[in-house]
Amino acid sequence: QVQLVESGGGLVQPGGSLRLSCTTSKSIFSVYEMGWYRQAPGKQRELVAKTTGLGTISYENFAKGRFTLSRDDAKNTLFLQMNDLKPEDTAIYYCNLNVGAIYWGQGTQVTVSS
């Protein structure tokens, strides 16, 4: 059973920053893909950014230039650094792991509000 443990959400003012972390019991190097999705109230879950096991990273357009995906392979941890946050970034952020089977973290709330 693969486990995903997320942390780092919270309340931040517009223009602020947060860093989300997702630690997995699986070696990131061995996965097909690992990434972050988000779901705002009343909206569908959407991709934010993802990486392949070998390190190819991709971002959705709204994340480019503001969000940075990185990883610590020794700790099996994926990070999402989010800068210049906007109210429309408010959502529950979910870590996702694809090893053939798909796994989701429990989600962490990010609220951007003044």
C-alpha atoms as a PDB file:
ATOM      1  CA  GLN A   1       0.000   0.000   0.000  1.00  0.00           C
ATOM      2  CA  VAL A   2       1.462   3.314  -1.096  1.00  0.00           C
ATOM      3  CA  GLN A   3       1.054   6.209   1.309  1.00  0.00           C
ATOM      4  CA  LEU A   4       1.123   9.920   0.556  1.00  0.00           C
ATOM      5  CA  VAL A   5       1.443  12.443   3.374  1.00  0.00           C
ATOM      6  CA  GLU A   6       0.901  16.092   2.527  1.00  0.00           C
ATOM      7  CA  SER A   7       1.667  19.219   4.489  1.00  0.00           C
ATOM      8  CA  GLY A   8       2.171  22.938   4.047  1.00  0.00           C
ATOM      9  CA  GLY A   9      -1.211  24.404   3.300  1.00  0.00           C
ATOM     10  CA  GLY A  10      -2.662  27.376   5.106  1.00  0.00           C
ATOM     11  CA  LEU A  11      -3.988  30.902   4.883  1.00  0.00           C
ATOM     12  CA  VAL A  12      -1.905  33.479   3.065  1.00  0.00           C
ATOM     13  CA  GLN A  13      -2.490  36.986   1.787  1.00  0.00           C
ATOM     14  CA  PRO A  14      -2.488  37.738  -1.941  1.00  0.00           C
ATOM     15  CA  GLY A  15       1.078  37.970  -3.180  1.00  0.00           C
ATOM     16  CA  GLY A  16       2.292  35.623  -0.473  1.00  0.00           C
ATOM     17  CA  SER A  17       3.990  32.244  -0.712  1.00  0.00           C
ATOM     18  CA  LEU A  18       3.479  28.712   0.514  1.00  0.00           C
ATOM     19  CA  ARG A  19       5.400  25.487   0.067  1.00  0.00           C
ATOM     20  CA  LEU A  20       3.540  22.211  -0.058  1.00  0.00           C
ATOM     21  CA  SER A  21       5.235  18.891   0.669  1.00  0.00           C
ATOM     22  CA  CYS A  22       4.215  15.370  -0.214  1.00  0.00           C
ATOM     23  CA  THR A  23       6.126  12.412   1.180  1.00  0.00           C
ATOM     24  CA  THR A  24       5.570   8.980  -0.291  1.00  0.00           C
ATOM     25  CA  SER A  25       6.469   5.507   0.821  1.00  0.00           C
ATOM     26  CA  LYS A  26       7.514   4.840  -2.792  1.00  0.00           C
ATOM     27  CA  SER A  27      10.767   5.904  -4.419  1.00  0.00           C
ATOM     28  CA  ILE A  28       9.935   8.865  -6.670  1.00  0.00           C
ATOM     29  CA  PHE A  29      12.558   7.681  -9.162  1.00  0.00           C
ATOM     30  CA  SER A  30      10.532   4.513  -9.731  1.00  0.00           C
ATOM     31  CA  VAL A  31       7.153   6.133 -10.431  1.00  0.00           C
ATOM     32  CA  TYR A  32       5.591   6.966 -13.768  1.00  0.00           C
ATOM     33  CA  GLU A  33       4.471  10.389 -12.612  1.00  0.00           C
ATOM     34  CA  MET A  34       3.975  12.336  -9.409  1.00  0.00           C
ATOM     35  CA  GLY A  35       2.386  15.708  -9.069  1.00  0.00           C
ATOM     36  CA  TRP A  36      -0.047  18.154  -7.563  1.00  0.00           C
ATOM     37  CA  TYR A  37      -3.667  18.726  -8.453  1.00  0.00           C
ATOM     38  CA  ARG A  38      -6.142  21.164  -6.978  1.00  0.00           C
ATOM     39  CA  GLN A  39      -9.879  21.446  -6.595  1.00  0.00           C
ATOM     40  CA  ALA A  40     -11.647  24.710  -5.903  1.00  0.00           C
ATOM     41  CA  PRO A  41     -15.209  24.787  -4.552  1.00  0.00           C
ATOM     42  CA  GLY A  42     -17.679  23.951  -7.289  1.00  0.00           C
ATOM     43  CA  LYS A  43     -14.965  23.128  -9.797  1.00  0.00           C
ATOM     44  CA  GLN A  44     -13.368  19.992 -11.160  1.00  0.00           C
ATOM     45  CA  ARG A  45     -10.016  18.804  -9.949  1.00  0.00           C
ATOM     46  CA  GLU A  46      -7.255  20.105 -12.188  1.00  0.00           C
ATOM     47  CA  LEU A  47      -3.570  19.449 -12.681  1.00  0.00           C
ATOM     48  CA  VAL A  48      -1.125  22.016 -11.295  1.00  0.00           C
ATOM     49  CA  ALA A  49       2.262  20.461 -12.045  1.00  0.00           C
ATOM     50  CA  LYS A  50       3.793  17.022 -12.383  1.00  0.00           C
ATOM     51  CA  THR A  51       7.089  15.232 -12.813  1.00  0.00           C
ATOM     52  CA  THR A  52       8.017  11.924 -14.305  1.00  0.00           C
ATOM     53  CA  GLY A  53      10.158   9.543 -12.324  1.00  0.00           C
ATOM     54  CA  LEU A  54      13.134  10.578 -14.433  1.00  0.00           C
ATOM     55  CA  GLY A  55      12.538  14.259 -13.720  1.00  0.00           C
ATOM     56  CA  THR A  56      10.681  15.747 -16.659  1.00  0.00           C
ATOM     57  CA  ILE A  57       8.507  18.491 -15.177  1.00  0.00           C
ATOM     58  CA  SER A  58       5.456  20.143 -16.672  1.00  0.00           C
ATOM     59  CA  TYR A  59       3.205  22.950 -15.452  1.00  0.00           C
ATOM     60  CA  GLU A  60      -0.246  24.109 -16.292  1.00  0.00           C
ATOM     61  CA  ASN A  61      -0.328  27.618 -17.749  1.00  0.00           C
ATOM     62  CA  PHE A  62      -1.638  29.265 -14.583  1.00  0.00           C
ATOM     63  CA  ALA A  63       1.296  27.824 -12.609  1.00  0.00           C
ATOM     64  CA  LYS A  64       4.089  28.803 -14.974  1.00  0.00           C
ATOM     65  CA  GLY A  65       6.326  31.503 -13.565  1.00  0.00           C
ATOM     66  CA  ARG A  66       4.744  31.385 -10.100  1.00  0.00           C
ATOM     67  CA  PHE A  67       4.925  27.751  -8.976  1.00  0.00           C
ATOM     68  CA  THR A  68       7.995  25.527  -8.844  1.00  0.00           C
ATOM     69  CA  LEU A  69       7.987  21.762  -8.518  1.00  0.00           C
ATOM     70  CA  SER A  70      11.010  20.125  -6.934  1.00  0.00           C
ATOM     71  CA  ARG A  71      11.908  16.906  -5.214  1.00  0.00           C
ATOM     72  CA  ASP A  72      14.172  15.320  -2.643  1.00  0.00           C
ATOM     73  CA  ASP A  73      14.697  11.775  -3.826  1.00  0.00           C
ATOM     74  CA  ALA A  74      16.522  10.762  -0.663  1.00  0.00           C
ATOM     75  CA  LYS A  75      13.406  11.623   1.336  1.00  0.00           C
ATOM     76  CA  ASN A  76      10.871  10.539  -1.312  1.00  0.00           C
ATOM     77  CA  THR A  77       9.377  14.001  -1.062  1.00  0.00           C
ATOM     78  CA  LEU A  78       7.864  16.244  -3.698  1.00  0.00           C
ATOM     79  CA  PHE A  79       7.573  19.984  -3.112  1.00  0.00           C
ATOM     80  CA  LEU A  80       5.416  22.665  -4.673  1.00  0.00           C
ATOM     81  CA  GLN A  81       6.691  26.171  -4.039  1.00  0.00           C
ATOM     82  CA  MET A  82       3.910  28.645  -4.733  1.00  0.00           C
ATOM     83  CA  ASN A  83       4.743  32.340  -5.044  1.00  0.00           C
ATOM     84  CA  ASP A  84       2.657  35.402  -5.870  1.00  0.00           C
ATOM     85  CA  LEU A  85      -0.463  33.591  -4.761  1.00  0.00           C
ATOM     86  CA  LYS A  86      -3.815  34.917  -5.929  1.00  0.00           C
ATOM     87  CA  PRO A  87      -7.319  34.476  -4.504  1.00  0.00           C
ATOM     88  CA  GLU A  88      -8.144  32.208  -7.444  1.00  0.00           C
ATOM     89  CA  ASP A  89      -5.454  29.800  -6.215  1.00  0.00           C
ATOM     90  CA  THR A  90      -7.685  28.995  -3.244  1.00  0.00           C
ATOM     91  CA  ALA A  91      -8.381  25.269  -3.355  1.00  0.00           C
ATOM     92  CA  ILE A  92      -7.648  21.945  -1.790  1.00  0.00           C
ATOM     93  CA  TYR A  93      -4.331  20.739  -3.159  1.00  0.00           C
ATOM     94  CA  TYR A  94      -3.858  17.007  -3.648  1.00  0.00           C
ATOM     95  CA  CYS A  95      -0.694  15.035  -4.177  1.00  0.00           C
ATOM     96  CA  ASN A  96      -0.994  12.383  -6.871  1.00  0.00           C
ATOM     97  CA  LEU A  97       1.127   9.343  -7.573  1.00  0.00           C
ATOM     98  CA  ASN A  98       0.987   7.140 -10.655  1.00  0.00           C
ATOM     99  CA  VAL A  99       2.759   3.808 -10.391  1.00  0.00           C
ATOM    100  CA  GLY A 100       0.387   2.051 -12.747  1.00  0.00           C
ATOM    101  CA  ALA A 101      -2.176   2.382 -10.014  1.00  0.00           C
ATOM    102  CA  ILE A 102      -3.198   5.894  -8.994  1.00  0.00           C
ATOM    103  CA  TYR A 103      -2.905   7.159  -5.443  1.00  0.00           C
ATOM    104  CA  TRP A 104      -4.085  10.415  -3.874  1.00  0.00           C
ATOM    105  CA  GLY A 105      -3.111  12.215  -0.730  1.00  0.00           C
ATOM    106  CA  GLN A 106      -5.694  13.443   1.739  1.00  0.00           C
ATOM    107  CA  GLY A 107      -5.476  17.022   0.470  1.00  0.00           C
ATOM    108  CA  THR A 108      -4.282  20.230   2.063  1.00  0.00           C
ATOM    109  CA  GLN A 109      -6.250  23.462   2.073  1.00  0.00           C
ATOM    110  CA  VAL A 110      -4.735  26.575   0.559  1.00  0.00           C
ATOM    111  CA  THR A 111      -6.635  29.802   1.143  1.00  0.00           C
ATOM    112  CA  VAL A 112      -5.511  33.078  -0.388  1.00  0.00           C
ATOM    113  CA  SER A 113      -7.361  35.995   1.149  1.00  0.00           C
ATOM    114  CA  SER A 114      -6.751  39.401   2.617  1.00  0.00           C
END
